[in-house]
Amino acid sequence: MITLFIDSSRKSLSVALASKSKLLFVSNVNSYSKHSNFLMKEIKTILDKCNMTIYDVDNIVVLNGPGSFTGVRVGVTLAKTIAWTLSKKLYQLTTLEALGACVADDVIISVFPDKDDASYVGIYDSSYKVLEYLSIDSEKLKITGKNITIVCMEDNPFTSELVRRLSVNNNVKIEKIKDYDYLKVIDFAMGKGSINPHLIEPVYLKKIDAEKKIEN
């Protein structure tokens, strides 16, 4: 079973290829705001390096946000197009879930930076059930008596604020990872079950800039 992984929600475009419990190839390209120029090329590159074609792929796992508005749509659109036209199984996972799947604890808090010094935050229990999504200015965060891991990929001012708030009543640590644990993320996504390509939708968790301008 060959699985193609796509994440275009971050500044770095990530494409990976896996076979059952083996990671075959990973490509990370710093193509922020130009993911559409590189995604198809990177998929073909890793397939060529593994002596495969897109027809050899059985499953597609795509991260559907939150993140860059245009970037998320690029990955989701391509994933659903391939899945529908070639009858491949499609699985979706949020960026926050993918980060959380890389660690284990009583409570897992994924922190993903947005522009303008804001953050997306996902809170999960030990079975990765979503407890809450928060914005950087939220005051709703109340957890007591837990071992908590805050996971992120880059320095973020909100992680320090989370530690400050939560360390009063909990044991808190920060896990800064360089990249996804792709096999764990793929297994987690596939464990949630495949989705009809027509039903997959980007997750934004906030209003896009165009909507804000209209309101103002």
N, C-alpha and C. Protein backbone atom coordinates (compact mmCIF):
# COMPACT_ATOMS: atom_id res chain seq x y z
N MET A 1 0.84 -1.19 0.00
CA MET A 1 0.00 0.00 0.00
C MET A 1 0.88 1.25 0.00
N ILE A 2 0.77 2.04 -1.02
CA ILE A 2 1.57 3.26 -1.15
C ILE A 2 0.72 4.48 -0.80
N THR A 3 1.25 5.34 0.08
CA THR A 3 0.52 6.53 0.51
C THR A 3 1.30 7.79 0.16
N LEU A 4 0.59 8.73 -0.44
CA LEU A 4 1.16 10.04 -0.76
C LEU A 4 0.65 11.05 0.27
N PHE A 5 1.58 11.77 0.89
CA PHE A 5 1.25 12.78 1.89
C PHE A 5 1.49 14.17 1.32
N ILE A 6 0.52 15.08 1.54
CA ILE A 6 0.64 16.45 1.03
C ILE A 6 0.31 17.45 2.13
N ASP A 7 1.21 18.41 2.34
CA ASP A 7 0.93 19.52 3.24
C ASP A 7 1.40 20.81 2.60
N SER A 8 0.45 21.66 2.23
CA SER A 8 0.78 22.96 1.63
C SER A 8 0.26 24.10 2.50
N SER A 9 0.00 23.81 3.78
CA SER A 9 -0.58 24.82 4.68
C SER A 9 0.47 25.72 5.32
N ARG A 10 1.74 25.29 5.30
CA ARG A 10 2.81 26.03 5.97
C ARG A 10 3.67 26.78 4.95
N LYS A 11 4.65 27.52 5.45
CA LYS A 11 5.59 28.20 4.57
C LYS A 11 6.38 27.19 3.75
N SER A 12 6.67 26.05 4.38
CA SER A 12 7.39 24.98 3.70
C SER A 12 6.39 23.98 3.13
N LEU A 13 6.53 23.67 1.87
CA LEU A 13 5.71 22.65 1.21
C LEU A 13 6.29 21.27 1.51
N SER A 14 5.45 20.36 2.00
CA SER A 14 5.92 19.02 2.35
C SER A 14 5.17 17.97 1.54
N VAL A 15 5.94 17.08 0.93
CA VAL A 15 5.39 15.95 0.19
C VAL A 15 6.17 14.71 0.61
N ALA A 16 5.46 13.63 0.90
CA ALA A 16 6.13 12.40 1.33
C ALA A 16 5.47 11.19 0.69
N LEU A 17 6.24 10.13 0.62
CA LEU A 17 5.75 8.86 0.08
C LEU A 17 6.10 7.76 1.07
N ALA A 18 5.11 6.94 1.41
CA ALA A 18 5.31 5.87 2.39
C ALA A 18 4.73 4.56 1.88
N SER A 19 5.34 3.47 2.31
CA SER A 19 4.86 2.13 1.99
C SER A 19 4.66 1.37 3.28
N LYS A 20 3.41 1.18 3.68
CA LYS A 20 3.06 0.52 4.94
C LYS A 20 3.80 1.21 6.09
N SER A 21 4.75 0.55 6.72
CA SER A 21 5.44 1.12 7.88
C SER A 21 6.82 1.68 7.51
N LYS A 22 7.03 1.98 6.24
CA LYS A 22 8.33 2.48 5.80
C LYS A 22 8.16 3.80 5.07
N LEU A 23 8.94 4.79 5.49
CA LEU A 23 8.94 6.08 4.82
C LEU A 23 9.92 6.01 3.66
N LEU A 24 9.43 6.21 2.45
CA LEU A 24 10.25 6.05 1.26
C LEU A 24 11.00 7.32 0.88
N PHE A 25 10.30 8.46 0.97
CA PHE A 25 10.95 9.70 0.55
C PHE A 25 10.17 10.89 1.10
N VAL A 26 10.91 11.96 1.45
CA VAL A 26 10.30 13.21 1.93
C VAL A 26 10.92 14.37 1.18
N SER A 27 10.09 15.30 0.77
CA SER A 27 10.57 16.52 0.13
C SER A 27 9.98 17.72 0.85
N ASN A 28 10.84 18.65 1.30
CA ASN A 28 10.41 19.89 1.92
C ASN A 28 10.98 21.05 1.10
N VAL A 29 10.11 21.92 0.62
CA VAL A 29 10.53 23.02 -0.24
C VAL A 29 10.04 24.33 0.36
N ASN A 30 10.95 25.28 0.53
CA ASN A 30 10.56 26.60 1.03
C ASN A 30 10.00 27.42 -0.14
N SER A 31 8.72 27.24 -0.39
CA SER A 31 8.08 27.87 -1.55
C SER A 31 6.87 28.69 -1.13
N TYR A 32 6.96 29.33 0.03
CA TYR A 32 5.83 30.08 0.59
C TYR A 32 5.25 31.06 -0.42
N SER A 33 3.93 31.02 -0.55
CA SER A 33 3.12 31.83 -1.48
C SER A 33 3.26 31.37 -2.93
N LYS A 34 4.09 30.34 -3.17
CA LYS A 34 4.24 29.81 -4.53
C LYS A 34 4.11 28.29 -4.56
N HIS A 35 3.36 27.73 -3.62
CA HIS A 35 3.20 26.28 -3.54
C HIS A 35 2.65 25.69 -4.84
N SER A 36 1.76 26.43 -5.49
CA SER A 36 1.15 25.92 -6.72
C SER A 36 2.18 25.71 -7.83
N ASN A 37 3.29 26.44 -7.76
CA ASN A 37 4.35 26.30 -8.76
C ASN A 37 5.21 25.06 -8.54
N PHE A 38 5.16 24.50 -7.31
CA PHE A 38 6.09 23.43 -6.96
C PHE A 38 5.43 22.10 -6.64
N LEU A 39 4.15 22.11 -6.25
CA LEU A 39 3.55 20.89 -5.72
C LEU A 39 3.55 19.74 -6.71
N MET A 40 3.05 19.95 -7.91
CA MET A 40 3.02 18.88 -8.91
C MET A 40 4.43 18.38 -9.22
N LYS A 41 5.37 19.32 -9.32
CA LYS A 41 6.76 18.95 -9.62
C LYS A 41 7.35 18.08 -8.53
N GLU A 42 7.09 18.43 -7.26
CA GLU A 42 7.66 17.66 -6.15
C GLU A 42 7.04 16.27 -6.07
N ILE A 43 5.75 16.17 -6.34
CA ILE A 43 5.11 14.84 -6.35
C ILE A 43 5.75 13.96 -7.42
N LYS A 44 5.93 14.51 -8.60
CA LYS A 44 6.55 13.74 -9.68
C LYS A 44 7.99 13.37 -9.33
N THR A 45 8.71 14.29 -8.69
CA THR A 45 10.11 14.04 -8.34
C THR A 45 10.24 12.86 -7.39
N ILE A 46 9.43 12.84 -6.32
CA ILE A 46 9.56 11.75 -5.36
C ILE A 46 9.07 10.43 -5.94
N LEU A 47 8.07 10.49 -6.80
CA LEU A 47 7.62 9.26 -7.47
C LEU A 47 8.70 8.72 -8.38
N ASP A 48 9.35 9.61 -9.13
CA ASP A 48 10.44 9.19 -10.03
C ASP A 48 11.59 8.57 -9.23
N LYS A 49 11.94 9.19 -8.10
CA LYS A 49 13.04 8.68 -7.29
C LYS A 49 12.73 7.29 -6.72
N CYS A 50 11.45 7.00 -6.55
CA CYS A 50 11.04 5.69 -6.03
C CYS A 50 10.61 4.74 -7.15
N ASN A 51 10.88 5.15 -8.40
CA ASN A 51 10.53 4.34 -9.57
C ASN A 51 9.05 4.00 -9.60
N MET A 52 8.22 5.00 -9.33
CA MET A 52 6.77 4.82 -9.33
C MET A 52 6.11 5.90 -10.17
N THR A 53 4.82 5.70 -10.42
CA THR A 53 3.99 6.73 -11.04
C THR A 53 2.81 6.99 -10.11
N ILE A 54 2.01 7.98 -10.43
CA ILE A 54 0.86 8.29 -9.60
C ILE A 54 -0.14 7.13 -9.55
N TYR A 55 -0.10 6.28 -10.56
CA TYR A 55 -1.01 5.13 -10.59
C TYR A 55 -0.65 4.08 -9.55
N ASP A 56 0.60 4.12 -9.04
CA ASP A 56 1.03 3.18 -8.00
C ASP A 56 0.55 3.60 -6.61
N VAL A 57 0.10 4.83 -6.49
CA VAL A 57 -0.36 5.34 -5.19
C VAL A 57 -1.75 4.78 -4.87
N ASP A 58 -1.91 4.29 -3.64
CA ASP A 58 -3.20 3.75 -3.21
C ASP A 58 -3.99 4.75 -2.36
N ASN A 59 -3.26 5.52 -1.53
CA ASN A 59 -3.91 6.43 -0.59
C ASN A 59 -3.28 7.81 -0.68
N ILE A 60 -4.10 8.81 -0.41
CA ILE A 60 -3.60 10.18 -0.32
C ILE A 60 -4.01 10.76 1.02
N VAL A 61 -3.04 11.29 1.76
CA VAL A 61 -3.30 11.98 3.02
C VAL A 61 -2.97 13.45 2.82
N VAL A 62 -3.94 14.32 3.07
CA VAL A 62 -3.71 15.76 2.88
C VAL A 62 -4.07 16.50 4.17
N LEU A 63 -3.25 17.49 4.52
CA LEU A 63 -3.56 18.36 5.65
C LEU A 63 -4.42 19.51 5.12
N ASN A 64 -5.59 19.70 5.73
CA ASN A 64 -6.56 20.65 5.19
C ASN A 64 -6.66 21.94 6.00
N GLY A 65 -5.56 22.30 6.69
CA GLY A 65 -5.53 23.56 7.42
C GLY A 65 -5.65 23.33 8.92
N PRO A 66 -5.60 24.40 9.68
CA PRO A 66 -5.50 25.79 9.26
C PRO A 66 -4.10 26.14 8.76
N GLY A 67 -4.02 27.33 8.18
CA GLY A 67 -2.74 27.78 7.65
C GLY A 67 -2.97 28.82 6.58
N SER A 68 -2.06 28.89 5.64
CA SER A 68 -2.18 29.83 4.53
C SER A 68 -3.46 29.56 3.75
N PHE A 69 -4.28 30.59 3.55
CA PHE A 69 -5.56 30.42 2.85
C PHE A 69 -5.36 29.81 1.47
N THR A 70 -4.48 30.43 0.66
CA THR A 70 -4.24 29.92 -0.68
C THR A 70 -3.49 28.60 -0.65
N GLY A 71 -2.51 28.49 0.25
CA GLY A 71 -1.72 27.27 0.33
C GLY A 71 -2.57 26.05 0.65
N VAL A 72 -3.46 26.18 1.61
CA VAL A 72 -4.35 25.06 1.98
C VAL A 72 -5.18 24.63 0.79
N ARG A 73 -5.72 25.58 0.06
CA ARG A 73 -6.57 25.27 -1.09
C ARG A 73 -5.79 24.56 -2.19
N VAL A 74 -4.52 24.92 -2.35
CA VAL A 74 -3.69 24.27 -3.38
C VAL A 74 -3.57 22.78 -3.10
N GLY A 75 -3.19 22.42 -1.87
CA GLY A 75 -3.02 21.01 -1.53
C GLY A 75 -4.32 20.23 -1.53
N VAL A 76 -5.37 20.81 -0.96
CA VAL A 76 -6.67 20.14 -0.89
C VAL A 76 -7.23 19.91 -2.30
N THR A 77 -7.15 20.92 -3.15
CA THR A 77 -7.68 20.80 -4.51
C THR A 77 -6.96 19.72 -5.30
N LEU A 78 -5.63 19.70 -5.21
CA LEU A 78 -4.88 18.68 -5.95
C LEU A 78 -5.17 17.29 -5.40
N ALA A 79 -5.21 17.15 -4.08
CA ALA A 79 -5.46 15.84 -3.46
C ALA A 79 -6.82 15.29 -3.86
N LYS A 80 -7.85 16.12 -3.81
CA LYS A 80 -9.20 15.65 -4.14
C LYS A 80 -9.32 15.35 -5.64
N THR A 81 -8.59 16.10 -6.47
CA THR A 81 -8.63 15.86 -7.92
C THR A 81 -8.01 14.52 -8.26
N ILE A 82 -6.83 14.24 -7.67
CA ILE A 82 -6.17 12.95 -7.92
C ILE A 82 -7.03 11.80 -7.40
N ALA A 83 -7.56 11.97 -6.18
CA ALA A 83 -8.37 10.91 -5.58
C ALA A 83 -9.61 10.60 -6.41
N TRP A 84 -10.26 11.64 -6.90
CA TRP A 84 -11.50 11.43 -7.65
C TRP A 84 -11.23 10.89 -9.05
N THR A 85 -10.26 11.45 -9.75
CA THR A 85 -10.02 11.03 -11.14
C THR A 85 -9.40 9.65 -11.24
N LEU A 86 -8.60 9.27 -10.23
CA LEU A 86 -7.90 7.99 -10.29
C LEU A 86 -8.45 6.97 -9.29
N SER A 87 -9.55 7.32 -8.62
CA SER A 87 -10.21 6.41 -7.67
C SER A 87 -9.26 5.97 -6.55
N LYS A 88 -8.57 6.94 -5.96
CA LYS A 88 -7.68 6.67 -4.83
C LYS A 88 -8.41 7.01 -3.53
N LYS A 89 -8.04 6.35 -2.44
CA LYS A 89 -8.63 6.66 -1.15
C LYS A 89 -8.02 7.95 -0.62
N LEU A 90 -8.88 8.82 -0.07
CA LEU A 90 -8.44 10.13 0.40
C LEU A 90 -8.69 10.27 1.89
N TYR A 91 -7.67 10.76 2.60
CA TYR A 91 -7.77 10.96 4.05
C TYR A 91 -7.35 12.40 4.36
N GLN A 92 -8.04 13.00 5.33
CA GLN A 92 -7.72 14.37 5.70
C GLN A 92 -7.37 14.47 7.18
N LEU A 93 -6.56 15.45 7.49
CA LEU A 93 -6.14 15.70 8.87
C LEU A 93 -5.82 17.19 8.96
N THR A 94 -6.13 17.80 10.10
CA THR A 94 -5.77 19.20 10.25
C THR A 94 -4.28 19.32 10.56
N THR A 95 -3.74 20.48 10.31
CA THR A 95 -2.34 20.73 10.64
C THR A 95 -2.09 20.57 12.12
N LEU A 96 -3.04 21.00 12.94
CA LEU A 96 -2.91 20.89 14.39
C LEU A 96 -2.94 19.44 14.83
N GLU A 97 -3.79 18.62 14.21
CA GLU A 97 -3.82 17.19 14.54
C GLU A 97 -2.51 16.52 14.14
N ALA A 98 -1.95 16.92 12.99
CA ALA A 98 -0.69 16.33 12.54
C ALA A 98 0.44 16.63 13.51
N LEU A 99 0.49 17.84 14.03
CA LEU A 99 1.49 18.18 15.04
C LEU A 99 1.27 17.36 16.30
N GLY A 100 0.02 17.29 16.75
CA GLY A 100 -0.29 16.56 17.98
C GLY A 100 0.01 15.08 17.90
N ALA A 101 -0.13 14.51 16.70
CA ALA A 101 0.10 13.08 16.52
C ALA A 101 1.56 12.69 16.71
N CYS A 102 2.45 13.68 16.74
CA CYS A 102 3.88 13.43 16.86
C CYS A 102 4.33 13.23 18.31
N VAL A 103 3.45 13.51 19.28
CA VAL A 103 3.80 13.38 20.70
C VAL A 103 2.68 12.66 21.43
N ALA A 104 2.93 12.34 22.71
CA ALA A 104 1.91 11.68 23.54
C ALA A 104 1.97 12.25 24.95
N ASP A 105 0.79 12.49 25.55
CA ASP A 105 0.72 12.99 26.92
C ASP A 105 -0.74 13.01 27.36
N ASP A 106 -0.97 13.40 28.62
CA ASP A 106 -2.35 13.54 29.10
C ASP A 106 -3.12 14.54 28.26
N VAL A 107 -2.47 15.68 28.04
CA VAL A 107 -3.03 16.74 27.19
C VAL A 107 -1.96 17.18 26.22
N ILE A 108 -2.34 17.33 24.95
CA ILE A 108 -1.42 17.77 23.91
C ILE A 108 -1.94 19.08 23.34
N ILE A 109 -1.08 20.07 23.28
CA ILE A 109 -1.47 21.36 22.73
C ILE A 109 -0.58 21.66 21.53
N SER A 110 -1.20 21.74 20.36
CA SER A 110 -0.47 22.06 19.14
C SER A 110 -0.54 23.55 18.89
N VAL A 111 0.60 24.15 18.59
CA VAL A 111 0.64 25.58 18.31
C VAL A 111 1.22 25.80 16.92
N PHE A 112 0.44 26.45 16.09
CA PHE A 112 0.84 26.68 14.70
C PHE A 112 0.75 28.17 14.41
N PRO A 113 1.85 28.82 14.02
CA PRO A 113 1.84 30.28 13.85
C PRO A 113 1.06 30.73 12.64
N ASP A 114 0.38 31.83 12.79
CA ASP A 114 -0.27 32.50 11.68
C ASP A 114 0.45 33.82 11.47
N LYS A 115 0.13 34.54 10.43
CA LYS A 115 0.76 35.85 10.23
C LYS A 115 0.26 36.83 11.28
N ASP A 116 0.92 37.97 11.35
CA ASP A 116 0.56 39.03 12.29
C ASP A 116 0.73 38.59 13.75
N ASP A 117 1.70 37.71 14.01
CA ASP A 117 2.03 37.26 15.36
C ASP A 117 0.87 36.56 16.07
N ALA A 118 -0.06 36.03 15.32
CA ALA A 118 -1.16 35.26 15.90
C ALA A 118 -0.83 33.76 15.82
N SER A 119 -1.67 32.95 16.44
CA SER A 119 -1.42 31.51 16.45
C SER A 119 -2.73 30.73 16.36
N TYR A 120 -2.65 29.56 15.76
CA TYR A 120 -3.71 28.58 15.84
C TYR A 120 -3.32 27.61 16.95
N VAL A 121 -4.28 27.20 17.77
CA VAL A 121 -3.98 26.31 18.88
C VAL A 121 -5.03 25.20 18.93
N GLY A 122 -4.57 23.96 18.96
CA GLY A 122 -5.47 22.82 19.12
C GLY A 122 -5.15 22.10 20.40
N ILE A 123 -6.17 21.73 21.17
CA ILE A 123 -5.98 21.05 22.45
C ILE A 123 -6.61 19.67 22.37
N TYR A 124 -5.84 18.64 22.72
CA TYR A 124 -6.28 17.26 22.57
C TYR A 124 -6.03 16.47 23.85
N ASP A 125 -6.88 15.47 24.08
CA ASP A 125 -6.63 14.59 25.22
C ASP A 125 -5.70 13.47 24.77
N SER A 126 -5.45 12.49 25.65
CA SER A 126 -4.48 11.43 25.36
C SER A 126 -4.88 10.53 24.20
N SER A 127 -6.16 10.53 23.85
CA SER A 127 -6.62 9.73 22.71
C SER A 127 -6.78 10.60 21.46
N TYR A 128 -6.26 11.83 21.53
CA TYR A 128 -6.25 12.78 20.43
C TYR A 128 -7.66 13.28 20.07
N LYS A 129 -8.56 13.19 21.02
CA LYS A 129 -9.88 13.79 20.82
C LYS A 129 -9.76 15.30 21.00
N VAL A 130 -10.36 16.06 20.10
CA VAL A 130 -10.29 17.51 20.18
C VAL A 130 -11.05 18.01 21.40
N LEU A 131 -10.36 18.76 22.24
CA LEU A 131 -11.02 19.38 23.38
C LEU A 131 -11.46 20.79 23.05
N GLU A 132 -10.62 21.50 22.29
CA GLU A 132 -10.96 22.89 21.98
C GLU A 132 -9.97 23.46 20.97
N TYR A 133 -10.44 24.42 20.17
CA TYR A 133 -9.57 25.22 19.34
C TYR A 133 -9.58 26.64 19.91
N LEU A 134 -8.41 27.25 19.98
CA LEU A 134 -8.30 28.57 20.59
C LEU A 134 -7.59 29.55 19.68
N SER A 135 -7.86 30.80 19.89
CA SER A 135 -7.09 31.85 19.24
C SER A 135 -6.09 32.40 20.26
N ILE A 136 -5.15 33.22 19.82
CA ILE A 136 -4.09 33.68 20.70
C ILE A 136 -4.62 34.53 21.86
N ASP A 137 -5.77 35.20 21.67
CA ASP A 137 -6.28 36.08 22.70
C ASP A 137 -7.32 35.42 23.60
N SER A 138 -7.42 34.08 23.50
CA SER A 138 -8.46 33.39 24.27
C SER A 138 -8.11 33.34 25.76
N GLU A 139 -9.14 33.48 26.57
CA GLU A 139 -8.99 33.36 28.02
C GLU A 139 -9.69 32.10 28.53
N LYS A 140 -10.07 31.21 27.61
CA LYS A 140 -10.86 30.05 27.98
C LYS A 140 -10.02 28.88 28.52
N LEU A 141 -8.72 28.98 28.40
CA LEU A 141 -7.85 27.84 28.69
C LEU A 141 -7.78 27.55 30.18
N LYS A 142 -8.46 26.49 30.62
CA LYS A 142 -8.45 26.12 32.03
C LYS A 142 -8.27 24.61 32.14
N ILE A 143 -7.04 24.20 32.48
CA ILE A 143 -6.71 22.78 32.65
C ILE A 143 -6.00 22.62 33.98
N THR A 144 -6.36 21.59 34.73
CA THR A 144 -5.79 21.41 36.07
C THR A 144 -5.34 19.97 36.29
N GLY A 145 -4.15 19.82 36.89
CA GLY A 145 -3.67 18.51 37.31
C GLY A 145 -3.29 17.57 36.19
N LYS A 146 -2.73 18.09 35.10
CA LYS A 146 -2.40 17.25 33.96
C LYS A 146 -0.92 17.39 33.57
N ASN A 147 -0.41 16.34 32.93
CA ASN A 147 0.88 16.43 32.24
C ASN A 147 0.58 16.93 30.83
N ILE A 148 1.19 18.04 30.47
CA ILE A 148 0.86 18.69 29.21
C ILE A 148 2.12 18.84 28.36
N THR A 149 1.99 18.48 27.08
CA THR A 149 3.05 18.74 26.11
C THR A 149 2.55 19.75 25.09
N ILE A 150 3.29 20.83 24.96
CA ILE A 150 3.01 21.83 23.93
C ILE A 150 3.95 21.55 22.76
N VAL A 151 3.40 21.28 21.60
CA VAL A 151 4.22 20.90 20.46
C VAL A 151 4.12 21.97 19.38
N CYS A 152 5.28 22.32 18.82
CA CYS A 152 5.33 23.33 17.77
C CYS A 152 6.53 23.04 16.88
N MET A 153 6.61 23.73 15.75
CA MET A 153 7.72 23.54 14.82
C MET A 153 8.70 24.70 14.82
N GLU A 154 8.29 25.82 15.36
CA GLU A 154 9.16 26.99 15.37
C GLU A 154 8.86 27.85 16.58
N ASP A 155 9.79 28.72 16.90
CA ASP A 155 9.61 29.60 18.05
C ASP A 155 8.33 30.43 17.86
N ASN A 156 7.58 30.53 18.93
CA ASN A 156 6.31 31.22 18.85
C ASN A 156 6.05 31.91 20.19
N PRO A 157 5.74 33.20 20.19
CA PRO A 157 5.53 33.91 21.46
C PRO A 157 4.39 33.35 22.29
N PHE A 158 3.44 32.70 21.64
CA PHE A 158 2.29 32.20 22.37
C PHE A 158 2.63 30.98 23.21
N THR A 159 3.68 30.22 22.84
CA THR A 159 4.05 29.05 23.64
C THR A 159 4.49 29.47 25.03
N SER A 160 5.22 30.56 25.14
CA SER A 160 5.64 31.06 26.45
C SER A 160 4.44 31.47 27.29
N GLU A 161 3.46 32.08 26.62
CA GLU A 161 2.24 32.48 27.32
C GLU A 161 1.46 31.26 27.81
N LEU A 162 1.42 30.21 27.00
CA LEU A 162 0.75 28.98 27.41
C LEU A 162 1.43 28.36 28.63
N VAL A 163 2.76 28.32 28.58
CA VAL A 163 3.50 27.77 29.72
C VAL A 163 3.23 28.58 30.97
N ARG A 164 3.22 29.89 30.84
CA ARG A 164 2.96 30.75 32.00
C ARG A 164 1.59 30.47 32.61
N ARG A 165 0.59 30.34 31.76
CA ARG A 165 -0.78 30.13 32.25
C ARG A 165 -0.96 28.74 32.87
N LEU A 166 -0.39 27.74 32.20
CA LEU A 166 -0.70 26.36 32.56
C LEU A 166 0.20 25.78 33.65
N SER A 167 1.39 26.31 33.81
CA SER A 167 2.33 25.74 34.78
C SER A 167 1.89 25.92 36.22
N VAL A 168 0.95 26.81 36.46
CA VAL A 168 0.46 27.03 37.82
C VAL A 168 -0.19 25.77 38.39
N ASN A 169 -0.94 25.06 37.55
CA ASN A 169 -1.69 23.89 38.02
C ASN A 169 -1.35 22.60 37.29
N ASN A 170 -0.31 22.62 36.44
CA ASN A 170 0.01 21.44 35.65
C ASN A 170 1.52 21.28 35.47
N ASN A 171 1.91 20.10 35.01
CA ASN A 171 3.30 19.84 34.63
C ASN A 171 3.40 20.04 33.12
N VAL A 172 4.11 21.08 32.71
CA VAL A 172 4.11 21.49 31.30
C VAL A 172 5.51 21.40 30.70
N LYS A 173 5.58 20.89 29.47
CA LYS A 173 6.84 20.90 28.74
C LYS A 173 6.57 21.29 27.28
N ILE A 174 7.61 21.81 26.63
CA ILE A 174 7.51 22.19 25.23
C ILE A 174 8.32 21.21 24.39
N GLU A 175 7.71 20.71 23.34
CA GLU A 175 8.37 19.80 22.40
C GLU A 175 8.45 20.51 21.05
N LYS A 176 9.64 20.94 20.71
CA LYS A 176 9.83 21.62 19.43
C LYS A 176 10.37 20.61 18.42
N ILE A 177 9.61 20.34 17.38
CA ILE A 177 10.00 19.34 16.40
C ILE A 177 10.41 20.01 15.10
N LYS A 178 11.33 19.38 14.39
CA LYS A 178 11.81 19.93 13.13
C LYS A 178 10.88 19.61 11.97
N ASP A 179 10.22 18.46 12.06
CA ASP A 179 9.34 18.03 10.98
C ASP A 179 8.34 17.02 11.54
N TYR A 180 7.32 16.72 10.76
CA TYR A 180 6.33 15.73 11.18
C TYR A 180 6.98 14.35 11.34
N ASP A 181 6.39 13.54 12.20
CA ASP A 181 6.66 12.11 12.17
C ASP A 181 5.68 11.55 11.15
N TYR A 182 6.11 11.48 9.91
CA TYR A 182 5.20 11.21 8.80
C TYR A 182 4.44 9.90 8.94
N LEU A 183 5.10 8.86 9.41
CA LEU A 183 4.41 7.58 9.55
C LEU A 183 3.30 7.65 10.60
N LYS A 184 3.57 8.33 11.71
CA LYS A 184 2.55 8.49 12.74
C LYS A 184 1.38 9.32 12.22
N VAL A 185 1.70 10.38 11.51
CA VAL A 185 0.66 11.25 10.97
C VAL A 185 -0.20 10.50 9.96
N ILE A 186 0.43 9.74 9.08
CA ILE A 186 -0.30 8.97 8.08
C ILE A 186 -1.19 7.92 8.75
N ASP A 187 -0.64 7.19 9.73
CA ASP A 187 -1.44 6.19 10.43
C ASP A 187 -2.62 6.82 11.14
N PHE A 188 -2.39 7.97 11.77
CA PHE A 188 -3.47 8.67 12.47
C PHE A 188 -4.57 9.08 11.51
N ALA A 189 -4.18 9.64 10.37
CA ALA A 189 -5.16 10.07 9.37
C ALA A 189 -5.96 8.89 8.84
N MET A 190 -5.29 7.80 8.54
CA MET A 190 -5.97 6.64 7.98
C MET A 190 -6.86 5.97 9.02
N GLY A 191 -6.49 6.11 10.29
CA GLY A 191 -7.32 5.55 11.35
C GLY A 191 -8.65 6.27 11.50
N LYS A 192 -8.74 7.48 10.99
CA LYS A 192 -9.97 8.26 11.05
C LYS A 192 -10.94 7.89 9.92
N GLY A 193 -10.43 7.12 8.94
CA GLY A 193 -11.28 6.69 7.84
C GLY A 193 -11.17 7.60 6.63
N SER A 194 -11.39 7.03 5.45
CA SER A 194 -11.29 7.80 4.22
C SER A 194 -12.53 8.69 4.05
N ILE A 195 -12.41 9.67 3.17
CA ILE A 195 -13.47 10.64 2.95
C ILE A 195 -13.77 10.76 1.47
N ASN A 196 -15.03 10.98 1.14
CA ASN A 196 -15.42 11.25 -0.24
C ASN A 196 -14.70 12.53 -0.70
N PRO A 197 -13.98 12.48 -1.83
CA PRO A 197 -13.25 13.66 -2.29
C PRO A 197 -14.11 14.92 -2.41
N HIS A 198 -15.39 14.75 -2.70
CA HIS A 198 -16.27 15.90 -2.85
C HIS A 198 -16.62 16.54 -1.51
N LEU A 199 -16.36 15.84 -0.41
CA LEU A 199 -16.75 16.34 0.90
C LEU A 199 -15.61 17.01 1.67
N ILE A 200 -14.40 16.89 1.18
CA ILE A 200 -13.27 17.48 1.89
C ILE A 200 -13.30 18.99 1.74
N GLU A 201 -13.06 19.71 2.84
CA GLU A 201 -13.07 21.15 2.82
C GLU A 201 -11.90 21.70 3.63
N PRO A 202 -11.33 22.82 3.21
CA PRO A 202 -10.27 23.45 3.99
C PRO A 202 -10.78 23.90 5.36
N VAL A 203 -9.90 23.88 6.35
CA VAL A 203 -10.22 24.35 7.70
C VAL A 203 -9.44 25.63 7.93
N TYR A 204 -10.14 26.72 8.21
CA TYR A 204 -9.46 28.00 8.38
C TYR A 204 -9.46 28.49 9.83
N LEU A 205 -10.51 28.23 10.58
CA LEU A 205 -10.65 28.62 11.99
C LEU A 205 -10.70 30.13 12.20
N LYS A 206 -10.71 30.88 11.14
CA LYS A 206 -10.82 32.33 11.27
C LYS A 206 -11.32 32.89 9.95
N LYS A 207 -11.74 34.13 9.97
CA LYS A 207 -12.18 34.79 8.76
C LYS A 207 -10.97 35.18 7.91
N ILE A 208 -11.11 35.02 6.60
CA ILE A 208 -10.01 35.36 5.70
C ILE A 208 -9.92 36.88 5.57
N ASP A 209 -8.79 37.36 5.05
CA ASP A 209 -8.56 38.80 4.96
C ASP A 209 -9.64 39.50 4.14
N ALA A 210 -10.11 38.88 3.06
CA ALA A 210 -11.12 39.50 2.21
C ALA A 210 -12.41 39.73 2.98
N GLU A 211 -12.79 38.77 3.82
CA GLU A 211 -14.00 38.92 4.63
C GLU A 211 -13.84 40.07 5.63
N LYS A 212 -12.65 40.16 6.23
CA LYS A 212 -12.40 41.24 7.19
C LYS A 212 -12.51 42.61 6.52
N LYS A 213 -11.99 42.72 5.30
CA LYS A 213 -12.03 43.99 4.59
C LYS A 213 -13.46 44.39 4.27
N ILE A 214 -14.28 43.40 3.89
CA ILE A 214 -15.69 43.68 3.57
C ILE A 214 -16.41 44.19 4.81
N GLU A 215 -16.15 43.56 5.95
CA GLU A 215 -16.80 43.97 7.21
C GLU A 215 -16.38 45.36 7.64
N ASN A 216 -15.11 45.70 7.35
CA ASN A 216 -14.60 47.01 7.77
C ASN A 216 -14.93 48.11 6.75
